[in-house]
Amino acid sequence: MEKLVERVKAILLTPETEWPVIAREPDDAGALFTRYVAILALIPALAGFIGGSLIGGYRGILPGITSAVIGYLLTFVTVFLVALIIDMLAPTFGAQKNFANALKLAVYSYTPAWLAGIFLLVPGLSFLTIIGLYGLYLLWLGLPPLMGAQRDKALPYAGAVVVCAVVLAILIGVVQVGLFAATG
């Protein structure tokens, strides 16, 4: 847990020096998912359930649990798909294809969004999840050291990844709504 806290602090506070450290680390997708994503993705899932079902009361307990579990599981799918997008777009922006580094980039760029999920505990504060957009800056900073993108191409590369990720989020949201409409 101490390593997790140290990584979170480093990626948020000193990303310029942390990205090169991450780039040199051995590739271990299993550890990324089990020791990082699995823990941090619990924050918005649990906070959203508590805020929506127990504090806000606008969602029943069973639908709240179902939504939290599905949202939590879809986080893993989303991170994986965003990593695929980062990797597939690499040649377009003169960067190197490297799925292991693309996965690291996707995982660590989502850190602020997962942490900002704590604001879902209090429905009136949920607008503060916008702080998670700091991850876009982290993505931009991480593209050169992890994907070998030239600094002048990192911004359009990051922009293309973000556009694809937004489209992906909309599609996943439509699927979630469809699942709940079918079960509700």
N, C-alpha and C. Protein backbone atom coordinates (compact mmCIF):
# COMPACT_ATOMS: atom_id res chain seq x y z
N MET A 1 0.83 -1.19 0.00
CA MET A 1 0.00 0.00 0.00
C MET A 1 0.88 1.26 0.00
N GLU A 2 2.02 1.14 0.65
CA GLU A 2 2.93 2.28 0.71
C GLU A 2 3.44 2.65 -0.68
N LYS A 3 3.74 1.63 -1.50
CA LYS A 3 4.20 1.88 -2.87
C LYS A 3 3.11 2.57 -3.69
N LEU A 4 1.87 2.16 -3.47
CA LEU A 4 0.74 2.77 -4.17
C LEU A 4 0.64 4.25 -3.83
N VAL A 5 0.70 4.56 -2.55
CA VAL A 5 0.59 5.95 -2.11
C VAL A 5 1.75 6.78 -2.67
N GLU A 6 2.94 6.23 -2.63
CA GLU A 6 4.10 6.94 -3.17
C GLU A 6 3.95 7.20 -4.67
N ARG A 7 3.46 6.21 -5.41
CA ARG A 7 3.27 6.38 -6.86
C ARG A 7 2.21 7.43 -7.13
N VAL A 8 1.11 7.38 -6.39
CA VAL A 8 0.05 8.37 -6.58
C VAL A 8 0.59 9.78 -6.33
N LYS A 9 1.30 9.96 -5.23
CA LYS A 9 1.87 11.27 -4.93
C LYS A 9 2.82 11.71 -6.03
N ALA A 10 3.68 10.82 -6.48
CA ALA A 10 4.67 11.17 -7.49
C ALA A 10 4.03 11.53 -8.83
N ILE A 11 3.05 10.75 -9.26
CA ILE A 11 2.45 11.02 -10.56
C ILE A 11 1.63 12.31 -10.52
N LEU A 12 1.07 12.64 -9.38
CA LEU A 12 0.29 13.87 -9.27
C LEU A 12 1.15 15.11 -9.05
N LEU A 13 2.19 14.98 -8.25
CA LEU A 13 2.96 16.15 -7.85
C LEU A 13 4.22 16.39 -8.68
N THR A 14 4.83 15.32 -9.17
CA THR A 14 6.06 15.48 -9.96
C THR A 14 6.02 14.59 -11.21
N PRO A 15 5.01 14.78 -12.05
CA PRO A 15 4.87 13.89 -13.21
C PRO A 15 6.04 13.97 -14.19
N GLU A 16 6.68 15.13 -14.30
CA GLU A 16 7.79 15.28 -15.25
C GLU A 16 8.93 14.32 -14.91
N THR A 17 9.15 14.09 -13.62
CA THR A 17 10.22 13.18 -13.22
C THR A 17 9.72 11.75 -13.03
N GLU A 18 8.42 11.59 -12.80
CA GLU A 18 7.88 10.25 -12.55
C GLU A 18 7.68 9.45 -13.84
N TRP A 19 7.29 10.11 -14.93
CA TRP A 19 7.07 9.37 -16.18
C TRP A 19 8.31 8.63 -16.65
N PRO A 20 9.50 9.25 -16.63
CA PRO A 20 10.69 8.48 -17.03
C PRO A 20 10.96 7.28 -16.11
N VAL A 21 10.66 7.42 -14.83
CA VAL A 21 10.81 6.29 -13.90
C VAL A 21 9.86 5.16 -14.30
N ILE A 22 8.62 5.52 -14.60
CA ILE A 22 7.61 4.54 -15.01
C ILE A 22 8.03 3.86 -16.31
N ALA A 23 8.59 4.64 -17.24
CA ALA A 23 9.02 4.08 -18.53
C ALA A 23 10.09 3.01 -18.36
N ARG A 24 10.92 3.13 -17.34
CA ARG A 24 12.01 2.17 -17.12
C ARG A 24 11.56 0.94 -16.33
N GLU A 25 10.38 0.97 -15.76
CA GLU A 25 9.92 -0.16 -14.96
C GLU A 25 9.58 -1.36 -15.84
N PRO A 26 9.73 -2.56 -15.29
CA PRO A 26 9.38 -3.75 -16.08
C PRO A 26 7.89 -3.76 -16.40
N ASP A 27 7.57 -4.37 -17.52
CA ASP A 27 6.18 -4.47 -17.96
C ASP A 27 5.47 -5.56 -17.16
N ASP A 28 4.43 -5.17 -16.46
CA ASP A 28 3.66 -6.13 -15.66
C ASP A 28 2.21 -5.68 -15.62
N ALA A 29 1.47 -6.03 -16.66
CA ALA A 29 0.07 -5.63 -16.76
C ALA A 29 -0.74 -6.16 -15.59
N GLY A 30 -0.44 -7.38 -15.17
CA GLY A 30 -1.18 -7.96 -14.05
C GLY A 30 -1.04 -7.13 -12.79
N ALA A 31 0.17 -6.70 -12.49
CA ALA A 31 0.39 -5.87 -11.30
C ALA A 31 -0.28 -4.51 -11.45
N LEU A 32 -0.24 -3.94 -12.65
CA LEU A 32 -0.92 -2.65 -12.86
C LEU A 32 -2.41 -2.76 -12.55
N PHE A 33 -3.02 -3.83 -13.04
CA PHE A 33 -4.45 -4.00 -12.83
C PHE A 33 -4.79 -4.39 -11.39
N THR A 34 -4.01 -5.28 -10.79
CA THR A 34 -4.37 -5.77 -9.45
C THR A 34 -3.90 -4.88 -8.32
N ARG A 35 -2.77 -4.19 -8.52
CA ARG A 35 -2.20 -3.39 -7.42
C ARG A 35 -2.43 -1.90 -7.58
N TYR A 36 -3.01 -1.50 -8.69
CA TYR A 36 -3.24 -0.06 -8.91
C TYR A 36 -4.69 0.20 -9.32
N VAL A 37 -5.06 -0.29 -10.48
CA VAL A 37 -6.42 -0.04 -10.97
C VAL A 37 -7.46 -0.62 -10.02
N ALA A 38 -7.27 -1.84 -9.60
CA ALA A 38 -8.26 -2.50 -8.73
C ALA A 38 -8.50 -1.74 -7.44
N ILE A 39 -7.48 -1.09 -6.93
CA ILE A 39 -7.62 -0.35 -5.68
C ILE A 39 -8.20 1.04 -5.93
N LEU A 40 -7.60 1.80 -6.85
CA LEU A 40 -8.05 3.17 -7.07
C LEU A 40 -9.43 3.25 -7.71
N ALA A 41 -9.77 2.30 -8.56
CA ALA A 41 -11.09 2.31 -9.21
C ALA A 41 -12.21 2.04 -8.20
N LEU A 42 -11.86 1.52 -7.04
CA LEU A 42 -12.87 1.33 -5.99
C LEU A 42 -13.38 2.66 -5.44
N ILE A 43 -12.55 3.69 -5.50
CA ILE A 43 -12.94 4.98 -4.91
C ILE A 43 -14.22 5.52 -5.54
N PRO A 44 -14.27 5.74 -6.87
CA PRO A 44 -15.52 6.26 -7.43
C PRO A 44 -16.68 5.25 -7.35
N ALA A 45 -16.37 3.97 -7.45
CA ALA A 45 -17.44 2.96 -7.39
C ALA A 45 -18.11 2.98 -6.02
N LEU A 46 -17.33 2.92 -4.96
CA LEU A 46 -17.89 2.92 -3.60
C LEU A 46 -18.49 4.27 -3.23
N ALA A 47 -17.78 5.34 -3.56
CA ALA A 47 -18.29 6.67 -3.24
C ALA A 47 -19.59 6.95 -3.99
N GLY A 48 -19.66 6.53 -5.24
CA GLY A 48 -20.89 6.72 -6.02
C GLY A 48 -22.04 5.93 -5.43
N PHE A 49 -21.77 4.71 -4.99
CA PHE A 49 -22.81 3.90 -4.36
C PHE A 49 -23.28 4.56 -3.06
N ILE A 50 -22.36 4.91 -2.21
CA ILE A 50 -22.71 5.51 -0.92
C ILE A 50 -23.44 6.84 -1.12
N GLY A 51 -22.90 7.69 -1.99
CA GLY A 51 -23.53 8.98 -2.24
C GLY A 51 -24.88 8.88 -2.90
N GLY A 52 -25.03 7.95 -3.83
CA GLY A 52 -26.29 7.83 -4.58
C GLY A 52 -27.36 7.02 -3.89
N SER A 53 -26.94 6.01 -3.13
CA SER A 53 -27.93 5.11 -2.53
C SER A 53 -28.13 5.33 -1.03
N LEU A 54 -27.09 5.70 -0.33
CA LEU A 54 -27.20 5.82 1.12
C LEU A 54 -27.33 7.26 1.60
N ILE A 55 -26.59 8.16 0.99
CA ILE A 55 -26.65 9.57 1.42
C ILE A 55 -27.68 10.34 0.61
N GLY A 56 -27.57 10.28 -0.72
CA GLY A 56 -28.49 11.02 -1.57
C GLY A 56 -29.85 10.36 -1.68
N GLY A 57 -29.86 9.06 -1.64
CA GLY A 57 -31.11 8.31 -1.68
C GLY A 57 -31.87 8.39 -2.98
N TYR A 58 -31.23 8.83 -4.05
CA TYR A 58 -31.96 8.92 -5.32
C TYR A 58 -31.86 7.62 -6.11
N ARG A 59 -31.15 6.64 -5.58
CA ARG A 59 -31.03 5.35 -6.24
C ARG A 59 -31.21 4.28 -5.16
N GLY A 60 -31.96 3.25 -5.46
CA GLY A 60 -32.16 2.17 -4.51
C GLY A 60 -30.87 1.41 -4.24
N ILE A 61 -30.87 0.63 -3.18
CA ILE A 61 -29.67 -0.11 -2.78
C ILE A 61 -29.24 -1.10 -3.87
N LEU A 62 -30.16 -1.95 -4.31
CA LEU A 62 -29.80 -2.97 -5.30
C LEU A 62 -29.35 -2.34 -6.63
N PRO A 63 -30.09 -1.37 -7.17
CA PRO A 63 -29.58 -0.73 -8.39
C PRO A 63 -28.24 -0.01 -8.15
N GLY A 64 -28.05 0.53 -6.95
CA GLY A 64 -26.79 1.19 -6.63
C GLY A 64 -25.63 0.22 -6.61
N ILE A 65 -25.83 -0.93 -6.01
CA ILE A 65 -24.78 -1.96 -5.98
C ILE A 65 -24.49 -2.45 -7.39
N THR A 66 -25.55 -2.71 -8.14
CA THR A 66 -25.38 -3.19 -9.51
C THR A 66 -24.61 -2.18 -10.35
N SER A 67 -24.98 -0.92 -10.23
CA SER A 67 -24.31 0.13 -10.97
C SER A 67 -22.84 0.25 -10.57
N ALA A 68 -22.58 0.16 -9.28
CA ALA A 68 -21.20 0.25 -8.79
C ALA A 68 -20.34 -0.90 -9.32
N VAL A 69 -20.89 -2.11 -9.27
CA VAL A 69 -20.13 -3.29 -9.74
C VAL A 69 -19.88 -3.21 -11.24
N ILE A 70 -20.91 -2.88 -12.00
CA ILE A 70 -20.75 -2.79 -13.45
C ILE A 70 -19.78 -1.67 -13.81
N GLY A 71 -19.92 -0.51 -13.16
CA GLY A 71 -19.01 0.60 -13.41
C GLY A 71 -17.58 0.25 -13.07
N TYR A 72 -17.40 -0.46 -11.96
CA TYR A 72 -16.06 -0.88 -11.53
C TYR A 72 -15.44 -1.81 -12.58
N LEU A 73 -16.20 -2.79 -13.02
CA LEU A 73 -15.69 -3.74 -14.02
C LEU A 73 -15.41 -3.05 -15.36
N LEU A 74 -16.26 -2.12 -15.72
CA LEU A 74 -16.05 -1.41 -16.99
C LEU A 74 -14.82 -0.51 -16.94
N THR A 75 -14.39 -0.15 -15.74
CA THR A 75 -13.16 0.64 -15.61
C THR A 75 -11.98 -0.12 -16.18
N PHE A 76 -11.90 -1.41 -15.90
CA PHE A 76 -10.81 -2.23 -16.41
C PHE A 76 -10.86 -2.30 -17.93
N VAL A 77 -12.06 -2.47 -18.47
CA VAL A 77 -12.23 -2.53 -19.92
C VAL A 77 -11.83 -1.20 -20.55
N THR A 78 -12.27 -0.11 -19.94
CA THR A 78 -11.97 1.22 -20.46
C THR A 78 -10.47 1.49 -20.50
N VAL A 79 -9.80 1.19 -19.40
CA VAL A 79 -8.34 1.42 -19.34
C VAL A 79 -7.64 0.60 -20.42
N PHE A 80 -8.04 -0.64 -20.58
CA PHE A 80 -7.44 -1.50 -21.60
C PHE A 80 -7.68 -0.93 -22.99
N LEU A 81 -8.91 -0.51 -23.27
CA LEU A 81 -9.23 0.02 -24.60
C LEU A 81 -8.53 1.34 -24.86
N VAL A 82 -8.41 2.19 -23.85
CA VAL A 82 -7.67 3.45 -24.04
C VAL A 82 -6.20 3.15 -24.33
N ALA A 83 -5.65 2.15 -23.67
CA ALA A 83 -4.27 1.75 -23.95
C ALA A 83 -4.13 1.28 -25.40
N LEU A 84 -5.10 0.52 -25.88
CA LEU A 84 -5.09 0.10 -27.29
C LEU A 84 -5.13 1.30 -28.22
N ILE A 85 -5.94 2.28 -27.87
CA ILE A 85 -6.06 3.49 -28.69
C ILE A 85 -4.72 4.23 -28.71
N ILE A 86 -4.10 4.40 -27.54
CA ILE A 86 -2.80 5.07 -27.46
C ILE A 86 -1.79 4.35 -28.35
N ASP A 87 -1.78 3.04 -28.25
CA ASP A 87 -0.82 2.24 -29.03
C ASP A 87 -1.11 2.32 -30.53
N MET A 88 -2.37 2.21 -30.90
CA MET A 88 -2.72 2.23 -32.33
C MET A 88 -2.46 3.59 -32.97
N LEU A 89 -2.62 4.67 -32.21
CA LEU A 89 -2.40 6.01 -32.76
C LEU A 89 -0.93 6.40 -32.82
N ALA A 90 -0.07 5.67 -32.16
CA ALA A 90 1.35 6.03 -32.06
C ALA A 90 2.00 6.33 -33.42
N PRO A 91 1.90 5.44 -34.41
CA PRO A 91 2.57 5.73 -35.69
C PRO A 91 2.04 6.99 -36.38
N THR A 92 0.79 7.29 -36.18
CA THR A 92 0.19 8.49 -36.78
C THR A 92 0.90 9.75 -36.32
N PHE A 93 1.41 9.73 -35.09
CA PHE A 93 2.07 10.91 -34.52
C PHE A 93 3.57 10.72 -34.38
N GLY A 94 4.13 9.80 -35.15
CA GLY A 94 5.57 9.58 -35.15
C GLY A 94 6.10 8.97 -33.87
N ALA A 95 5.25 8.32 -33.11
CA ALA A 95 5.67 7.69 -31.86
C ALA A 95 5.86 6.19 -32.09
N GLN A 96 6.38 5.51 -31.08
CA GLN A 96 6.64 4.08 -31.18
C GLN A 96 5.47 3.29 -30.60
N LYS A 97 5.07 2.25 -31.33
CA LYS A 97 4.06 1.35 -30.80
C LYS A 97 4.69 0.53 -29.68
N ASN A 98 4.04 0.54 -28.54
CA ASN A 98 4.51 -0.22 -27.38
C ASN A 98 3.33 -0.36 -26.44
N PHE A 99 2.61 -1.49 -26.55
CA PHE A 99 1.39 -1.63 -25.77
C PHE A 99 1.65 -1.60 -24.27
N ALA A 100 2.74 -2.17 -23.82
CA ALA A 100 3.03 -2.17 -22.38
C ALA A 100 3.15 -0.74 -21.85
N ASN A 101 3.84 0.12 -22.60
CA ASN A 101 3.95 1.51 -22.17
C ASN A 101 2.64 2.26 -22.34
N ALA A 102 1.88 1.92 -23.36
CA ALA A 102 0.56 2.55 -23.55
C ALA A 102 -0.36 2.21 -22.38
N LEU A 103 -0.25 0.98 -21.89
CA LEU A 103 -1.05 0.58 -20.73
C LEU A 103 -0.63 1.35 -19.49
N LYS A 104 0.66 1.49 -19.28
CA LYS A 104 1.14 2.29 -18.14
C LYS A 104 0.60 3.72 -18.24
N LEU A 105 0.67 4.27 -19.43
CA LEU A 105 0.22 5.64 -19.67
C LEU A 105 -1.27 5.78 -19.37
N ALA A 106 -2.06 4.85 -19.87
CA ALA A 106 -3.50 4.90 -19.62
C ALA A 106 -3.80 4.76 -18.13
N VAL A 107 -3.20 3.79 -17.49
CA VAL A 107 -3.46 3.53 -16.07
C VAL A 107 -3.14 4.75 -15.22
N TYR A 108 -1.93 5.27 -15.35
CA TYR A 108 -1.51 6.36 -14.47
C TYR A 108 -2.18 7.69 -14.82
N SER A 109 -2.60 7.86 -16.08
CA SER A 109 -3.31 9.08 -16.45
C SER A 109 -4.71 9.13 -15.85
N TYR A 110 -5.27 7.98 -15.52
CA TYR A 110 -6.60 7.94 -14.91
C TYR A 110 -6.56 8.22 -13.41
N THR A 111 -5.39 8.28 -12.81
CA THR A 111 -5.26 8.46 -11.36
C THR A 111 -6.09 9.63 -10.82
N PRO A 112 -5.98 10.84 -11.40
CA PRO A 112 -6.76 11.95 -10.84
C PRO A 112 -8.27 11.72 -10.91
N ALA A 113 -8.74 11.10 -11.96
CA ALA A 113 -10.18 10.84 -12.09
C ALA A 113 -10.66 9.89 -11.00
N TRP A 114 -9.87 8.85 -10.73
CA TRP A 114 -10.26 7.91 -9.68
C TRP A 114 -10.25 8.57 -8.31
N LEU A 115 -9.24 9.36 -8.05
CA LEU A 115 -9.16 10.05 -6.76
C LEU A 115 -10.28 11.08 -6.61
N ALA A 116 -10.60 11.79 -7.68
CA ALA A 116 -11.68 12.78 -7.64
C ALA A 116 -13.03 12.11 -7.41
N GLY A 117 -13.11 10.81 -7.65
CA GLY A 117 -14.34 10.08 -7.41
C GLY A 117 -14.80 10.13 -5.97
N ILE A 118 -13.93 10.51 -5.05
CA ILE A 118 -14.31 10.62 -3.64
C ILE A 118 -15.41 11.67 -3.46
N PHE A 119 -15.48 12.65 -4.35
CA PHE A 119 -16.51 13.68 -4.25
C PHE A 119 -17.91 13.15 -4.55
N LEU A 120 -18.01 11.94 -5.06
CA LEU A 120 -19.32 11.33 -5.30
C LEU A 120 -19.99 10.92 -4.00
N LEU A 121 -19.25 10.92 -2.90
CA LEU A 121 -19.83 10.61 -1.59
C LEU A 121 -20.94 11.58 -1.23
N VAL A 122 -20.74 12.84 -1.55
CA VAL A 122 -21.72 13.89 -1.25
C VAL A 122 -22.26 14.39 -2.58
N PRO A 123 -23.50 14.03 -2.89
CA PRO A 123 -24.05 14.37 -4.21
C PRO A 123 -23.88 15.84 -4.59
N GLY A 124 -23.96 16.74 -3.67
CA GLY A 124 -23.80 18.16 -3.96
C GLY A 124 -22.39 18.56 -4.34
N LEU A 125 -21.44 17.70 -4.06
CA LEU A 125 -20.04 18.00 -4.40
C LEU A 125 -19.56 17.25 -5.63
N SER A 126 -20.43 16.49 -6.25
CA SER A 126 -20.01 15.66 -7.39
C SER A 126 -19.43 16.47 -8.54
N PHE A 127 -19.79 17.75 -8.63
CA PHE A 127 -19.23 18.59 -9.69
C PHE A 127 -17.71 18.71 -9.55
N LEU A 128 -17.18 18.49 -8.35
CA LEU A 128 -15.74 18.59 -8.13
C LEU A 128 -14.95 17.45 -8.79
N THR A 129 -15.66 16.46 -9.31
CA THR A 129 -14.95 15.39 -10.03
C THR A 129 -14.25 15.94 -11.27
N ILE A 130 -14.57 17.16 -11.64
CA ILE A 130 -13.90 17.80 -12.79
C ILE A 130 -12.40 17.91 -12.54
N ILE A 131 -11.98 17.84 -11.29
CA ILE A 131 -10.56 17.86 -10.95
C ILE A 131 -9.83 16.70 -11.65
N GLY A 132 -10.57 15.65 -11.93
CA GLY A 132 -9.99 14.49 -12.62
C GLY A 132 -9.45 14.81 -14.00
N LEU A 133 -9.84 15.95 -14.55
CA LEU A 133 -9.33 16.33 -15.87
C LEU A 133 -7.83 16.61 -15.86
N TYR A 134 -7.25 16.68 -14.68
CA TYR A 134 -5.79 16.81 -14.57
C TYR A 134 -5.11 15.63 -15.28
N GLY A 135 -5.82 14.53 -15.39
CA GLY A 135 -5.29 13.36 -16.09
C GLY A 135 -4.96 13.64 -17.55
N LEU A 136 -5.64 14.61 -18.16
CA LEU A 136 -5.34 14.97 -19.55
C LEU A 136 -3.94 15.57 -19.64
N TYR A 137 -3.59 16.38 -18.66
CA TYR A 137 -2.25 16.95 -18.58
C TYR A 137 -1.21 15.84 -18.37
N LEU A 138 -1.55 14.90 -17.49
CA LEU A 138 -0.63 13.78 -17.25
C LEU A 138 -0.42 12.97 -18.52
N LEU A 139 -1.48 12.75 -19.28
CA LEU A 139 -1.37 12.02 -20.54
C LEU A 139 -0.42 12.75 -21.49
N TRP A 140 -0.60 14.03 -21.64
CA TRP A 140 0.24 14.84 -22.52
C TRP A 140 1.71 14.75 -22.10
N LEU A 141 1.96 14.87 -20.80
CA LEU A 141 3.34 14.79 -20.31
C LEU A 141 3.95 13.40 -20.49
N GLY A 142 3.11 12.37 -20.41
CA GLY A 142 3.62 11.00 -20.47
C GLY A 142 3.88 10.47 -21.87
N LEU A 143 3.30 11.09 -22.87
CA LEU A 143 3.47 10.59 -24.24
C LEU A 143 4.94 10.59 -24.72
N PRO A 144 5.71 11.63 -24.50
CA PRO A 144 7.11 11.57 -24.95
C PRO A 144 7.95 10.48 -24.26
N PRO A 145 7.96 10.40 -22.93
CA PRO A 145 8.82 9.37 -22.33
C PRO A 145 8.32 7.93 -22.52
N LEU A 146 7.02 7.73 -22.60
CA LEU A 146 6.52 6.35 -22.71
C LEU A 146 6.31 5.88 -24.14
N MET A 147 5.91 6.77 -25.01
CA MET A 147 5.61 6.35 -26.39
C MET A 147 6.62 6.91 -27.39
N GLY A 148 7.57 7.69 -26.92
CA GLY A 148 8.58 8.24 -27.82
C GLY A 148 8.05 9.32 -28.74
N ALA A 149 6.96 9.97 -28.33
CA ALA A 149 6.39 11.04 -29.16
C ALA A 149 7.26 12.29 -29.06
N GLN A 150 7.42 12.97 -30.18
CA GLN A 150 8.12 14.25 -30.15
C GLN A 150 7.27 15.25 -29.38
N ARG A 151 7.91 16.15 -28.68
CA ARG A 151 7.20 17.13 -27.84
C ARG A 151 6.18 17.93 -28.67
N ASP A 152 6.53 18.30 -29.89
CA ASP A 152 5.62 19.11 -30.72
C ASP A 152 4.42 18.30 -31.22
N LYS A 153 4.50 16.98 -31.19
CA LYS A 153 3.37 16.14 -31.62
C LYS A 153 2.59 15.57 -30.44
N ALA A 154 3.08 15.79 -29.23
CA ALA A 154 2.43 15.22 -28.05
C ALA A 154 1.04 15.82 -27.82
N LEU A 155 0.87 17.11 -28.05
CA LEU A 155 -0.44 17.72 -27.82
C LEU A 155 -1.50 17.20 -28.79
N PRO A 156 -1.23 17.19 -30.10
CA PRO A 156 -2.25 16.62 -30.99
C PRO A 156 -2.47 15.12 -30.75
N TYR A 157 -1.43 14.40 -30.37
CA TYR A 157 -1.54 12.98 -30.04
C TYR A 157 -2.47 12.83 -28.83
N ALA A 158 -2.22 13.62 -27.79
CA ALA A 158 -3.06 13.57 -26.60
C ALA A 158 -4.50 13.94 -26.95
N GLY A 159 -4.66 14.96 -27.79
CA GLY A 159 -6.00 15.37 -28.20
C GLY A 159 -6.75 14.26 -28.92
N ALA A 160 -6.06 13.56 -29.80
CA ALA A 160 -6.68 12.45 -30.53
C ALA A 160 -7.07 11.32 -29.58
N VAL A 161 -6.21 11.03 -28.61
CA VAL A 161 -6.52 9.99 -27.63
C VAL A 161 -7.74 10.40 -26.82
N VAL A 162 -7.80 11.66 -26.41
CA VAL A 162 -8.92 12.15 -25.61
C VAL A 162 -10.23 12.06 -26.40
N VAL A 163 -10.21 12.47 -27.65
CA VAL A 163 -11.42 12.39 -28.48
C VAL A 163 -11.90 10.94 -28.57
N CYS A 164 -10.97 10.04 -28.83
CA CYS A 164 -11.33 8.61 -28.91
C CYS A 164 -11.85 8.10 -27.56
N ALA A 165 -11.22 8.52 -26.48
CA ALA A 165 -11.64 8.09 -25.14
C ALA A 165 -13.03 8.63 -24.79
N VAL A 166 -13.33 9.85 -25.22
CA VAL A 166 -14.66 10.41 -24.98
C VAL A 166 -15.71 9.63 -25.76
N VAL A 167 -15.43 9.32 -27.01
CA VAL A 167 -16.35 8.50 -27.81
C VAL A 167 -16.55 7.14 -27.15
N LEU A 168 -15.47 6.55 -26.68
CA LEU A 168 -15.53 5.27 -25.97
C LEU A 168 -16.39 5.39 -24.72
N ALA A 169 -16.21 6.46 -23.96
CA ALA A 169 -16.99 6.67 -22.73
C ALA A 169 -18.48 6.81 -23.05
N ILE A 170 -18.78 7.50 -24.13
CA ILE A 170 -20.20 7.65 -24.53
C ILE A 170 -20.78 6.29 -24.90
N LEU A 171 -20.04 5.51 -25.67
CA LEU A 171 -20.52 4.18 -26.06
C LEU A 171 -20.72 3.28 -24.84
N ILE A 172 -19.79 3.32 -23.92
CA ILE A 172 -19.92 2.51 -22.70
C ILE A 172 -21.10 3.00 -21.88
N GLY A 173 -21.30 4.31 -21.83
CA GLY A 173 -22.46 4.87 -21.12
C GLY A 173 -23.77 4.41 -21.73
N VAL A 174 -23.83 4.37 -23.05
CA VAL A 174 -25.03 3.90 -23.74
C VAL A 174 -25.29 2.43 -23.41
N VAL A 175 -24.22 1.64 -23.38
CA VAL A 175 -24.37 0.23 -23.02
C VAL A 175 -24.88 0.09 -21.59
N GLN A 176 -24.32 0.89 -20.67
CA GLN A 176 -24.77 0.83 -19.28
C GLN A 176 -26.24 1.21 -19.15
N VAL A 177 -26.64 2.27 -19.82
CA VAL A 177 -28.04 2.70 -19.77
C VAL A 177 -28.93 1.59 -20.34
N GLY A 178 -28.49 0.98 -21.43
CA GLY A 178 -29.25 -0.11 -22.03
C GLY A 178 -29.38 -1.28 -21.09
N LEU A 179 -28.32 -1.59 -20.38
CA LEU A 179 -28.37 -2.72 -19.41
C LEU A 179 -29.35 -2.42 -18.29
N PHE A 180 -29.34 -1.19 -17.78
CA PHE A 180 -30.22 -0.85 -16.67
C PHE A 180 -31.66 -0.70 -17.13
N ALA A 181 -31.86 -0.26 -18.36
CA ALA A 181 -33.22 -0.15 -18.88
C ALA A 181 -33.82 -1.53 -19.08
N ALA A 182 -32.97 -2.48 -19.49
CA ALA A 182 -33.45 -3.85 -19.71
C ALA A 182 -33.75 -4.56 -18.40
N THR A 183 -32.99 -4.25 -17.35
CA THR A 183 -33.21 -4.91 -16.07
C THR A 183 -34.18 -4.17 -15.19
N GLY A 184 -34.38 -2.88 -15.45
CA GLY A 184 -35.23 -2.06 -14.56
C GLY A 184 -36.58 -2.01 -15.07
